[in-house]
Structure formats: C-alpha cells, structure tokens
Amino acid sequence: MKKLLFLLVAVLVPSLFIAGCSGTDDLVTTKQDVDVELDSFQITYNPPAGSSELGKAAIAAATTGDNPSCGSVNLGDLLADNPDWEDIADRIKEVEIDNVRYKVTNNLTNVAITGKLSLTDPVTSVLTTVGEVSIPANTDVPDWTDLPFVGNGKNTVNHYLSNRDVTFEYCTEGSPNDESLSLTLGIELGLDVVVKIL
C-alpha cells in the first residue's frame, strides 16, 4: 500500500507543478486601458472639382474644413505625449486595439450622413475605410461612442499599434457630400495594453 501511495504522489506532484506553471504570464503581467485622442476634424461640403473656380480636391490637413478631412501621425509620437503611457512604456509586452470611438459636435447637416474613418492600408498604401457609422441629421453625439469596424479595419489599426514608428494618413469623411454638410468629428482609440508587473 505504501508503494502504491508513493507512486501516486510521484505521478501527481510533477503534474501539479506543470499545471501551476502554465499561468505564469498571468502572474507577472496585467492589462491596462489607454485612451488616445486623435485630432478632431471640422468637416464641411467640398464642391466637386471643376464645379467652380474655387473648387479644390481634398488635401491632407487637419486644420481645414474639407470633406474628407485628413491628417497624418505615427502612434509612437501620440503615445509619448500620453501620461498613462509614460508610466508603462518600459514594461509593455503587447498593445492591441479594443475599440475606436467617435463623437460629433456642431452638427448643422440637415441630412443623415455616414461618417467614415479611413487609414492608409499598410499593404497597398491606399486609404481604406476602417470604421463607419450613421449620423442623423442635425444631431450631436456628445459622448465617446463605439465606431463599428468594417472589413479588415481592426487589423489595419493593430498593424500601426505593432509598428508605432510608422507614419500613416487618416481621414474622416461625411457621405453624401451634401451642401449643408458641417460638423466636427472627434476620434479616440481605446487600447488594451499588456504590461509587466514591477
């Protein structure tokens, strides 16, 4: 009986040790939320090229009121200015997008529009829509609200989170390009960051 008990202990103890070690990462890391706000854009009607002498194509510039309205950034620079990031920058193991949020203010557009966020596709280098949402006429969305991903949108954002020194273009757009189009659209990235515990 003693031999059987000894054999049982000899078999169980190593397996308990192995099972105990499988969750080691959970013991030395924690997950933190970090929010990063991009520049907001004033989106206004942009007459089609050639419709008047003043008509012009949309140009990447966050300070203008074009439709689409664009800017460029790399996430490394943005995150470096974030106080939540400063405390954990040296201990980061992984960063992924949790969600993209938007808010709308000063919406004077008298028709319903589709608000879109586009980023440079890392493979084709062409702007591609990563998220879009319907915005009712003359309606503000004052609180940060989830912007649903479309297509490969989540993977596109995650590419830039894994390559934070790469600069990319991002644009917001209101469609259709109605003559009454006038609103301010803000974009925020909600990040899940896995951090080593001190």
Protein backbone atom coordinates (compact mmCIF):
# COMPACT_ATOMS: atom_id res chain seq x y z
CA MET A 1 0.00 0.00 0.00
CA LYS A 2 2.88 2.38 0.86
CA LYS A 3 4.47 1.69 -2.55
CA LEU A 4 1.16 2.48 -4.29
CA LEU A 5 0.77 5.72 -2.32
CA PHE A 6 4.37 6.73 -3.10
CA LEU A 7 3.82 6.00 -6.80
CA LEU A 8 0.62 8.08 -6.81
CA VAL A 9 2.43 11.03 -5.18
CA ALA A 10 5.36 10.68 -7.60
CA VAL A 11 2.95 10.93 -10.55
CA LEU A 12 0.70 13.71 -9.18
CA VAL A 13 3.28 16.16 -7.83
CA PRO A 14 5.07 16.85 -11.16
CA SER A 15 1.73 17.26 -12.93
CA LEU A 16 0.58 19.77 -10.30
CA PHE A 17 3.85 21.64 -10.74
CA ILE A 18 3.40 21.75 -14.52
CA ALA A 19 -0.23 22.91 -14.20
CA GLY A 20 0.84 25.60 -11.73
CA CYS A 21 3.45 26.95 -14.14
CA SER A 22 1.07 27.28 -17.10
CA GLY A 23 -0.39 30.55 -15.76
CA THR A 24 2.96 32.22 -15.08
CA ASP A 25 2.27 35.04 -17.57
CA ASP A 26 -0.94 35.87 -15.70
CA LEU A 27 1.10 36.30 -12.51
CA VAL A 28 3.69 38.69 -13.96
CA THR A 29 1.53 40.78 -16.31
CA THR A 30 -1.58 42.92 -16.08
CA LYS A 31 -3.84 44.54 -18.66
CA GLN A 32 -4.36 48.31 -18.72
CA ASP A 33 -6.66 50.56 -20.77
CA VAL A 34 -5.06 53.53 -22.52
CA ASP A 35 -7.11 56.07 -24.50
CA VAL A 36 -5.53 58.10 -27.30
CA GLU A 37 -7.36 61.02 -28.88
CA LEU A 38 -6.56 61.94 -32.48
CA ASP A 39 -7.00 65.47 -33.84
CA SER A 40 -10.66 66.33 -34.37
CA PHE A 41 -11.84 67.48 -37.78
CA GLN A 42 -14.27 70.11 -38.99
CA ILE A 43 -15.95 68.51 -42.00
CA THR A 44 -17.67 70.80 -44.50
CA TYR A 45 -19.05 70.48 -48.00
CA ASN A 46 -16.35 70.21 -50.63
CA PRO A 47 -17.67 71.12 -54.11
CA PRO A 48 -16.67 68.63 -56.81
CA ALA A 49 -13.54 69.64 -58.71
CA GLY A 50 -14.42 71.88 -61.67
CA SER A 51 -17.79 72.99 -60.26
CA SER A 52 -16.38 76.48 -59.69
CA GLU A 53 -13.07 78.30 -59.88
CA LEU A 54 -12.79 77.93 -56.11
CA GLY A 55 -13.44 74.17 -56.13
CA LYS A 56 -10.49 72.12 -54.94
CA ALA A 57 -9.62 68.50 -54.19
CA ALA A 58 -9.42 67.43 -50.55
CA ILE A 59 -5.88 67.84 -49.19
CA ALA A 60 -4.48 66.22 -46.05
CA ALA A 61 -4.68 68.90 -43.39
CA ALA A 62 -6.37 68.55 -40.02
CA THR A 63 -6.92 72.30 -39.75
CA THR A 64 -9.06 72.65 -42.88
CA GLY A 65 -12.76 72.02 -43.31
CA ASP A 66 -12.58 69.69 -46.28
CA ASN A 67 -14.58 66.54 -46.91
CA PRO A 68 -12.78 64.26 -46.37
CA SER A 69 -10.53 65.99 -43.85
CA CYS A 70 -7.19 64.32 -43.15
CA GLY A 71 -4.09 64.33 -41.01
CA SER A 72 -1.02 62.16 -40.55
CA VAL A 73 0.52 60.69 -37.43
CA ASN A 74 2.55 57.84 -36.00
CA LEU A 75 1.23 56.28 -32.83
CA GLY A 76 4.63 56.36 -31.15
CA ASP A 77 4.58 60.17 -31.05
CA LEU A 78 0.97 60.29 -29.90
CA LEU A 79 1.53 57.79 -27.13
CA ALA A 80 4.70 59.51 -25.94
CA ASP A 81 2.55 62.53 -25.01
CA ASN A 82 0.06 60.41 -23.05
CA PRO A 83 0.70 60.44 -19.26
CA ASP A 84 -0.85 56.95 -18.86
CA TRP A 85 1.65 55.63 -21.40
CA GLU A 86 4.71 57.24 -19.76
CA ASP A 87 4.24 55.13 -16.63
CA ILE A 88 4.18 51.83 -18.52
CA ALA A 89 6.25 52.41 -21.68
CA ASP A 90 9.25 50.39 -20.47
CA ARG A 91 7.14 47.42 -19.36
CA ILE A 92 4.88 46.85 -22.38
CA LYS A 93 4.55 43.33 -23.78
CA GLU A 94 1.63 43.79 -26.18
CA VAL A 95 -0.70 46.52 -27.50
CA GLU A 96 -3.99 45.89 -29.32
CA ILE A 97 -6.97 48.00 -30.30
CA ASP A 98 -10.03 47.43 -28.14
CA ASN A 99 -12.28 49.90 -29.93
CA VAL A 100 -12.38 53.13 -31.89
CA ARG A 101 -14.75 55.79 -30.57
CA TYR A 102 -16.20 58.92 -32.10
CA LYS A 103 -18.16 61.97 -31.05
CA VAL A 104 -19.96 64.61 -33.09
CA THR A 105 -20.42 68.25 -32.16
CA ASN A 106 -21.75 71.32 -34.01
CA ASN A 107 -23.68 69.14 -36.47
CA LEU A 108 -25.55 71.55 -38.76
CA THR A 109 -26.02 68.98 -41.53
CA ASN A 110 -29.72 68.76 -42.43
CA VAL A 111 -29.50 65.27 -43.95
CA ALA A 112 -28.44 61.95 -42.41
CA ILE A 113 -24.86 61.06 -43.33
CA THR A 114 -22.45 58.17 -42.99
CA GLY A 115 -19.38 59.16 -41.00
CA LYS A 116 -16.26 57.24 -42.04
CA LEU A 117 -12.74 56.83 -40.67
CA SER A 118 -10.08 55.78 -43.19
CA LEU A 119 -6.42 54.84 -42.63
CA THR A 120 -3.59 54.12 -45.02
CA ASP A 121 -3.67 50.40 -45.84
CA PRO A 122 -0.20 49.07 -44.87
CA VAL A 123 -0.10 46.72 -47.89
CA THR A 124 -1.48 48.90 -50.71
CA SER A 125 -0.67 52.37 -49.24
CA VAL A 126 -4.19 53.43 -50.31
CA LEU A 127 -6.69 54.95 -47.89
CA THR A 128 -9.16 52.29 -46.77
CA THR A 129 -12.26 52.62 -44.56
CA VAL A 130 -11.73 51.03 -41.14
CA GLY A 131 -14.96 52.14 -39.44
CA GLU A 132 -18.23 53.86 -40.25
CA VAL A 133 -21.47 54.90 -38.59
CA SER A 134 -24.76 56.58 -39.50
CA ILE A 135 -25.20 60.08 -38.09
CA PRO A 136 -28.75 61.51 -38.05
CA ALA A 137 -29.42 64.99 -39.45
CA ASN A 138 -28.70 67.91 -37.10
CA THR A 139 -27.76 65.52 -34.27
CA ASP A 140 -24.74 65.72 -31.99
CA VAL A 141 -23.16 62.68 -30.31
CA PRO A 142 -21.56 64.40 -27.29
CA ASP A 143 -20.18 61.27 -25.56
CA TRP A 144 -17.47 58.94 -26.85
CA THR A 145 -19.36 56.16 -28.70
CA ASP A 146 -18.07 52.97 -30.35
CA LEU A 147 -17.37 53.31 -34.08
CA PRO A 148 -18.05 49.89 -35.63
CA PHE A 149 -15.16 48.36 -37.57
CA VAL A 150 -15.70 47.42 -41.21
CA GLY A 151 -13.81 44.89 -43.30
CA ASN A 152 -10.19 44.50 -42.19
CA GLY A 153 -10.37 47.68 -40.09
CA LYS A 154 -9.33 46.22 -36.75
CA ASN A 155 -6.27 44.51 -38.27
CA THR A 156 -5.26 47.75 -40.00
CA VAL A 157 -5.28 49.66 -36.70
CA ASN A 158 -3.40 46.83 -34.97
CA HIS A 159 -0.72 46.95 -37.68
CA TYR A 160 0.10 50.54 -36.68
CA LEU A 161 0.00 49.64 -32.99
CA SER A 162 2.64 46.97 -33.67
CA ASN A 163 4.65 49.42 -35.81
CA ARG A 164 4.29 52.58 -33.79
CA ASP A 165 7.09 54.47 -35.57
CA VAL A 166 5.34 54.20 -38.97
CA THR A 167 3.54 57.38 -40.08
CA PHE A 168 0.16 56.91 -41.72
CA GLU A 169 -2.60 59.14 -43.05
CA TYR A 170 -6.06 59.09 -41.52
CA CYS A 171 -9.18 60.81 -42.80
CA THR A 172 -12.73 61.42 -41.63
CA GLU A 173 -15.48 61.86 -44.19
CA GLY A 174 -19.20 62.62 -44.32
CA SER A 175 -21.17 60.97 -47.10
CA PRO A 176 -23.08 62.13 -49.08
CA ASN A 177 -21.14 65.33 -49.67
CA ASP A 178 -24.26 67.46 -49.10
CA GLU A 179 -24.19 71.26 -49.42
CA SER A 180 -25.35 71.60 -45.80
CA LEU A 181 -22.52 69.37 -44.52
CA SER A 182 -20.99 70.93 -41.42
CA LEU A 183 -19.91 69.07 -38.27
CA THR A 184 -16.95 68.40 -36.01
CA LEU A 185 -15.92 64.76 -35.72
CA GLY A 186 -13.59 63.54 -32.97
CA ILE A 187 -11.81 60.16 -32.95
CA GLU A 188 -10.39 58.26 -29.97
CA LEU A 189 -8.54 54.94 -29.85
CA GLY A 190 -9.21 52.67 -26.90
CA LEU A 191 -6.18 50.40 -26.40
CA ASP A 192 -5.67 47.18 -24.43
CA VAL A 193 -2.07 47.14 -23.20
CA VAL A 194 -0.44 44.10 -21.57
CA VAL A 195 2.18 45.30 -19.08
CA LYS A 196 4.78 43.51 -16.96
CA ILE A 197 4.17 43.94 -13.24
CA LEU A 198 7.05 45.61 -11.39
